[in-house]
Amino acid sequence: MDKLSGLASKLGGGSKNSGSNQTAGNEDMVDKALDSVERKFGGGKIDPSSDKIRSTNEKITDGARAQFEKATGKNVPDKFSN
């Protein structure tokens, strides 16, 4: 979990999410893919539905989107972004 937190702070620039928790209905494909990876390789120790993990995952995926947009100069397609 510490690795994910460190990655989130690096990718997200340490910005705080202003208390807006994402629910399963607001997850996009990238969020769902990260949840799936955590379930498969987390060894049962990671619960992607918990608020703390959801917040961390949102920071990770937002940071990845920002890096993609910075590297390519293109926006992430709506299909993959919320």
N, C-alpha and C. Protein backbone atom coordinates (compact mmCIF):
# COMPACT_ATOMS: atom_id res chain seq x y z
N MET A 1 0.81 -1.18 0.00
CA MET A 1 0.00 0.00 0.00
C MET A 1 0.86 1.25 0.00
N ASP A 2 2.01 1.19 0.67
CA ASP A 2 2.89 2.35 0.71
C ASP A 2 3.37 2.72 -0.69
N LYS A 3 3.57 1.72 -1.53
CA LYS A 3 4.01 1.99 -2.90
C LYS A 3 2.94 2.75 -3.65
N LEU A 4 1.68 2.37 -3.47
CA LEU A 4 0.59 3.06 -4.15
C LEU A 4 0.46 4.50 -3.65
N SER A 5 0.63 4.70 -2.36
CA SER A 5 0.54 6.05 -1.80
C SER A 5 1.66 6.93 -2.34
N GLY A 6 2.86 6.37 -2.41
CA GLY A 6 3.98 7.11 -2.94
C GLY A 6 3.79 7.45 -4.41
N LEU A 7 3.26 6.51 -5.16
CA LEU A 7 3.00 6.75 -6.57
C LEU A 7 1.93 7.81 -6.74
N ALA A 8 0.90 7.77 -5.91
CA ALA A 8 -0.17 8.75 -6.00
C ALA A 8 0.35 10.15 -5.73
N SER A 9 1.23 10.30 -4.74
CA SER A 9 1.74 11.62 -4.44
C SER A 9 2.67 12.12 -5.54
N LYS A 10 3.42 11.21 -6.16
CA LYS A 10 4.29 11.62 -7.26
C LYS A 10 3.49 12.02 -8.48
N LEU A 11 2.52 11.20 -8.86
CA LEU A 11 1.74 11.47 -10.06
C LEU A 11 0.74 12.59 -9.86
N GLY A 12 0.13 12.63 -8.70
CA GLY A 12 -0.90 13.63 -8.45
C GLY A 12 -0.35 14.98 -8.03
N GLY A 13 0.92 15.09 -7.83
CA GLY A 13 1.50 16.35 -7.43
C GLY A 13 1.17 16.73 -6.01
N GLY A 14 0.69 15.77 -5.23
CA GLY A 14 0.38 16.02 -3.84
C GLY A 14 -0.88 16.84 -3.64
N SER A 15 -1.67 17.04 -4.69
CA SER A 15 -2.89 17.84 -4.55
C SER A 15 -3.94 17.05 -3.78
N LYS A 16 -4.72 17.77 -3.01
CA LYS A 16 -5.75 17.14 -2.20
C LYS A 16 -7.07 17.16 -2.95
N ASN A 17 -7.79 16.06 -2.87
CA ASN A 17 -9.13 15.99 -3.41
C ASN A 17 -10.05 16.65 -2.41
N SER A 18 -10.84 17.62 -2.79
CA SER A 18 -11.59 18.45 -1.86
C SER A 18 -12.77 17.71 -1.25
N GLY A 19 -12.51 16.53 -0.71
CA GLY A 19 -13.54 15.80 0.01
C GLY A 19 -14.59 15.15 -0.86
N SER A 20 -14.45 15.21 -2.17
CA SER A 20 -15.45 14.59 -3.03
C SER A 20 -15.07 13.15 -3.30
N ASN A 21 -15.75 12.23 -2.62
CA ASN A 21 -15.48 10.82 -2.79
C ASN A 21 -16.14 10.31 -4.06
N GLN A 22 -15.44 9.49 -4.79
CA GLN A 22 -15.98 8.88 -5.99
C GLN A 22 -16.70 7.60 -5.62
N THR A 23 -17.86 7.40 -6.16
CA THR A 23 -18.59 6.17 -5.92
C THR A 23 -18.42 5.26 -7.11
N ALA A 24 -18.87 4.03 -6.97
CA ALA A 24 -18.71 3.05 -8.04
C ALA A 24 -19.40 3.52 -9.32
N GLY A 25 -20.48 4.28 -9.21
CA GLY A 25 -21.18 4.78 -10.39
C GLY A 25 -20.39 5.80 -11.16
N ASN A 26 -19.44 6.47 -10.51
CA ASN A 26 -18.64 7.50 -11.17
C ASN A 26 -17.29 6.99 -11.64
N GLU A 27 -17.02 5.72 -11.46
CA GLU A 27 -15.73 5.18 -11.88
C GLU A 27 -15.70 5.03 -13.40
N ASP A 28 -14.58 5.41 -13.98
CA ASP A 28 -14.40 5.20 -15.41
C ASP A 28 -13.64 3.89 -15.62
N MET A 29 -13.31 3.60 -16.85
CA MET A 29 -12.68 2.32 -17.18
C MET A 29 -11.31 2.16 -16.53
N VAL A 30 -10.56 3.24 -16.43
CA VAL A 30 -9.22 3.17 -15.83
C VAL A 30 -9.33 2.86 -14.33
N ASP A 31 -10.29 3.51 -13.65
CA ASP A 31 -10.50 3.24 -12.23
C ASP A 31 -10.90 1.79 -12.00
N LYS A 32 -11.79 1.29 -12.84
CA LYS A 32 -12.24 -0.10 -12.72
C LYS A 32 -11.09 -1.07 -12.99
N ALA A 33 -10.23 -0.73 -13.93
CA ALA A 33 -9.08 -1.59 -14.24
C ALA A 33 -8.12 -1.65 -13.05
N LEU A 34 -7.88 -0.52 -12.43
CA LEU A 34 -6.99 -0.48 -11.25
C LEU A 34 -7.61 -1.29 -10.11
N ASP A 35 -8.91 -1.16 -9.91
CA ASP A 35 -9.59 -1.96 -8.88
C ASP A 35 -9.44 -3.45 -9.15
N SER A 36 -9.57 -3.83 -10.41
CA SER A 36 -9.44 -5.23 -10.79
C SER A 36 -8.03 -5.76 -10.51
N VAL A 37 -7.02 -4.96 -10.82
CA VAL A 37 -5.64 -5.36 -10.56
C VAL A 37 -5.40 -5.51 -9.06
N GLU A 38 -5.96 -4.60 -8.27
CA GLU A 38 -5.80 -4.69 -6.82
C GLU A 38 -6.47 -5.94 -6.26
N ARG A 39 -7.64 -6.29 -6.80
CA ARG A 39 -8.31 -7.50 -6.32
C ARG A 39 -7.52 -8.75 -6.68
N LYS A 40 -6.97 -8.75 -7.90
CA LYS A 40 -6.26 -9.93 -8.37
C LYS A 40 -4.91 -10.11 -7.69
N PHE A 41 -4.16 -9.03 -7.54
CA PHE A 41 -2.80 -9.15 -7.04
C PHE A 41 -2.63 -8.63 -5.60
N GLY A 42 -3.70 -8.14 -5.01
CA GLY A 42 -3.62 -7.59 -3.66
C GLY A 42 -3.59 -8.63 -2.58
N GLY A 43 -3.83 -9.88 -2.90
CA GLY A 43 -3.80 -10.95 -1.92
C GLY A 43 -4.86 -10.82 -0.86
N GLY A 44 -5.98 -10.16 -1.18
CA GLY A 44 -7.05 -9.99 -0.22
C GLY A 44 -6.78 -8.91 0.81
N LYS A 45 -5.66 -8.23 0.72
CA LYS A 45 -5.31 -7.20 1.70
C LYS A 45 -5.82 -5.82 1.30
N ILE A 46 -6.20 -5.66 0.05
CA ILE A 46 -6.65 -4.37 -0.45
C ILE A 46 -8.13 -4.46 -0.81
N ASP A 47 -8.93 -3.56 -0.25
CA ASP A 47 -10.35 -3.48 -0.55
C ASP A 47 -10.59 -2.21 -1.37
N PRO A 48 -10.69 -2.33 -2.71
CA PRO A 48 -10.83 -1.15 -3.56
C PRO A 48 -12.08 -0.33 -3.28
N SER A 49 -13.05 -0.88 -2.56
CA SER A 49 -14.28 -0.13 -2.31
C SER A 49 -14.19 0.77 -1.08
N SER A 50 -13.12 0.65 -0.29
CA SER A 50 -13.00 1.51 0.90
C SER A 50 -12.69 2.95 0.47
N ASP A 51 -13.12 3.90 1.27
CA ASP A 51 -12.96 5.31 0.93
C ASP A 51 -11.49 5.71 0.80
N LYS A 52 -10.65 5.19 1.68
CA LYS A 52 -9.23 5.55 1.65
C LYS A 52 -8.57 5.04 0.37
N ILE A 53 -8.83 3.81 0.01
CA ILE A 53 -8.25 3.23 -1.20
C ILE A 53 -8.83 3.91 -2.44
N ARG A 54 -10.14 4.20 -2.42
CA ARG A 54 -10.80 4.86 -3.55
C ARG A 54 -10.16 6.22 -3.80
N SER A 55 -9.89 6.96 -2.72
CA SER A 55 -9.27 8.27 -2.83
C SER A 55 -7.86 8.15 -3.42
N THR A 56 -7.10 7.18 -2.92
CA THR A 56 -5.74 6.96 -3.42
C THR A 56 -5.77 6.55 -4.89
N ASN A 57 -6.68 5.65 -5.24
CA ASN A 57 -6.79 5.22 -6.63
C ASN A 57 -7.17 6.37 -7.55
N GLU A 58 -8.05 7.24 -7.08
CA GLU A 58 -8.46 8.37 -7.90
C GLU A 58 -7.27 9.30 -8.15
N LYS A 59 -6.43 9.51 -7.15
CA LYS A 59 -5.24 10.33 -7.32
C LYS A 59 -4.27 9.69 -8.32
N ILE A 60 -4.14 8.36 -8.24
CA ILE A 60 -3.23 7.65 -9.15
C ILE A 60 -3.72 7.79 -10.59
N THR A 61 -5.01 7.52 -10.81
CA THR A 61 -5.53 7.57 -12.18
C THR A 61 -5.57 9.00 -12.72
N ASP A 62 -5.87 9.98 -11.86
CA ASP A 62 -5.85 11.38 -12.30
C ASP A 62 -4.43 11.80 -12.67
N GLY A 63 -3.46 11.36 -11.90
CA GLY A 63 -2.07 11.66 -12.21
C GLY A 63 -1.62 11.01 -13.51
N ALA A 64 -2.06 9.78 -13.72
CA ALA A 64 -1.71 9.09 -14.97
C ALA A 64 -2.34 9.80 -16.17
N ARG A 65 -3.58 10.26 -16.03
CA ARG A 65 -4.22 11.01 -17.11
C ARG A 65 -3.46 12.31 -17.38
N ALA A 66 -3.06 12.99 -16.33
CA ALA A 66 -2.33 14.25 -16.50
C ALA A 66 -1.00 14.00 -17.22
N GLN A 67 -0.30 12.93 -16.84
CA GLN A 67 0.97 12.61 -17.50
C GLN A 67 0.74 12.24 -18.97
N PHE A 68 -0.33 11.51 -19.26
CA PHE A 68 -0.66 11.16 -20.64
C PHE A 68 -0.90 12.42 -21.46
N GLU A 69 -1.70 13.34 -20.90
CA GLU A 69 -2.01 14.57 -21.62
C GLU A 69 -0.77 15.44 -21.80
N LYS A 70 0.09 15.45 -20.80
CA LYS A 70 1.33 16.23 -20.89
C LYS A 70 2.27 15.65 -21.95
N ALA A 71 2.36 14.32 -21.99
CA ALA A 71 3.29 13.66 -22.92
C ALA A 71 2.80 13.72 -24.37
N THR A 72 1.49 13.56 -24.56
CA THR A 72 0.97 13.48 -25.92
C THR A 72 0.39 14.79 -26.44
N GLY A 73 -0.01 15.67 -25.54
CA GLY A 73 -0.65 16.90 -25.95
C GLY A 73 -2.11 16.70 -26.34
N LYS A 74 -2.63 15.51 -26.09
CA LYS A 74 -4.03 15.19 -26.43
C LYS A 74 -4.79 14.87 -25.16
N ASN A 75 -6.08 15.11 -25.18
CA ASN A 75 -6.91 14.75 -24.04
C ASN A 75 -7.18 13.26 -24.04
N VAL A 76 -7.39 12.72 -22.86
CA VAL A 76 -7.75 11.32 -22.71
C VAL A 76 -9.16 11.16 -23.28
N PRO A 77 -9.41 10.15 -24.12
CA PRO A 77 -10.76 9.96 -24.67
C PRO A 77 -11.82 9.86 -23.58
N ASP A 78 -13.01 10.36 -23.86
CA ASP A 78 -14.11 10.35 -22.89
C ASP A 78 -14.44 8.95 -22.41
N LYS A 79 -14.21 7.96 -23.24
CA LYS A 79 -14.49 6.57 -22.87
C LYS A 79 -13.67 6.15 -21.66
N PHE A 80 -12.49 6.70 -21.49
CA PHE A 80 -11.58 6.31 -20.42
C PHE A 80 -11.51 7.34 -19.29
N SER A 81 -12.18 8.45 -19.43
CA SER A 81 -12.05 9.51 -18.43
C SER A 81 -13.42 9.91 -17.91
N ASN A 82 -13.48 10.24 -16.62
CA ASN A 82 -14.78 10.65 -16.06
C ASN A 82 -14.94 12.11 -16.07
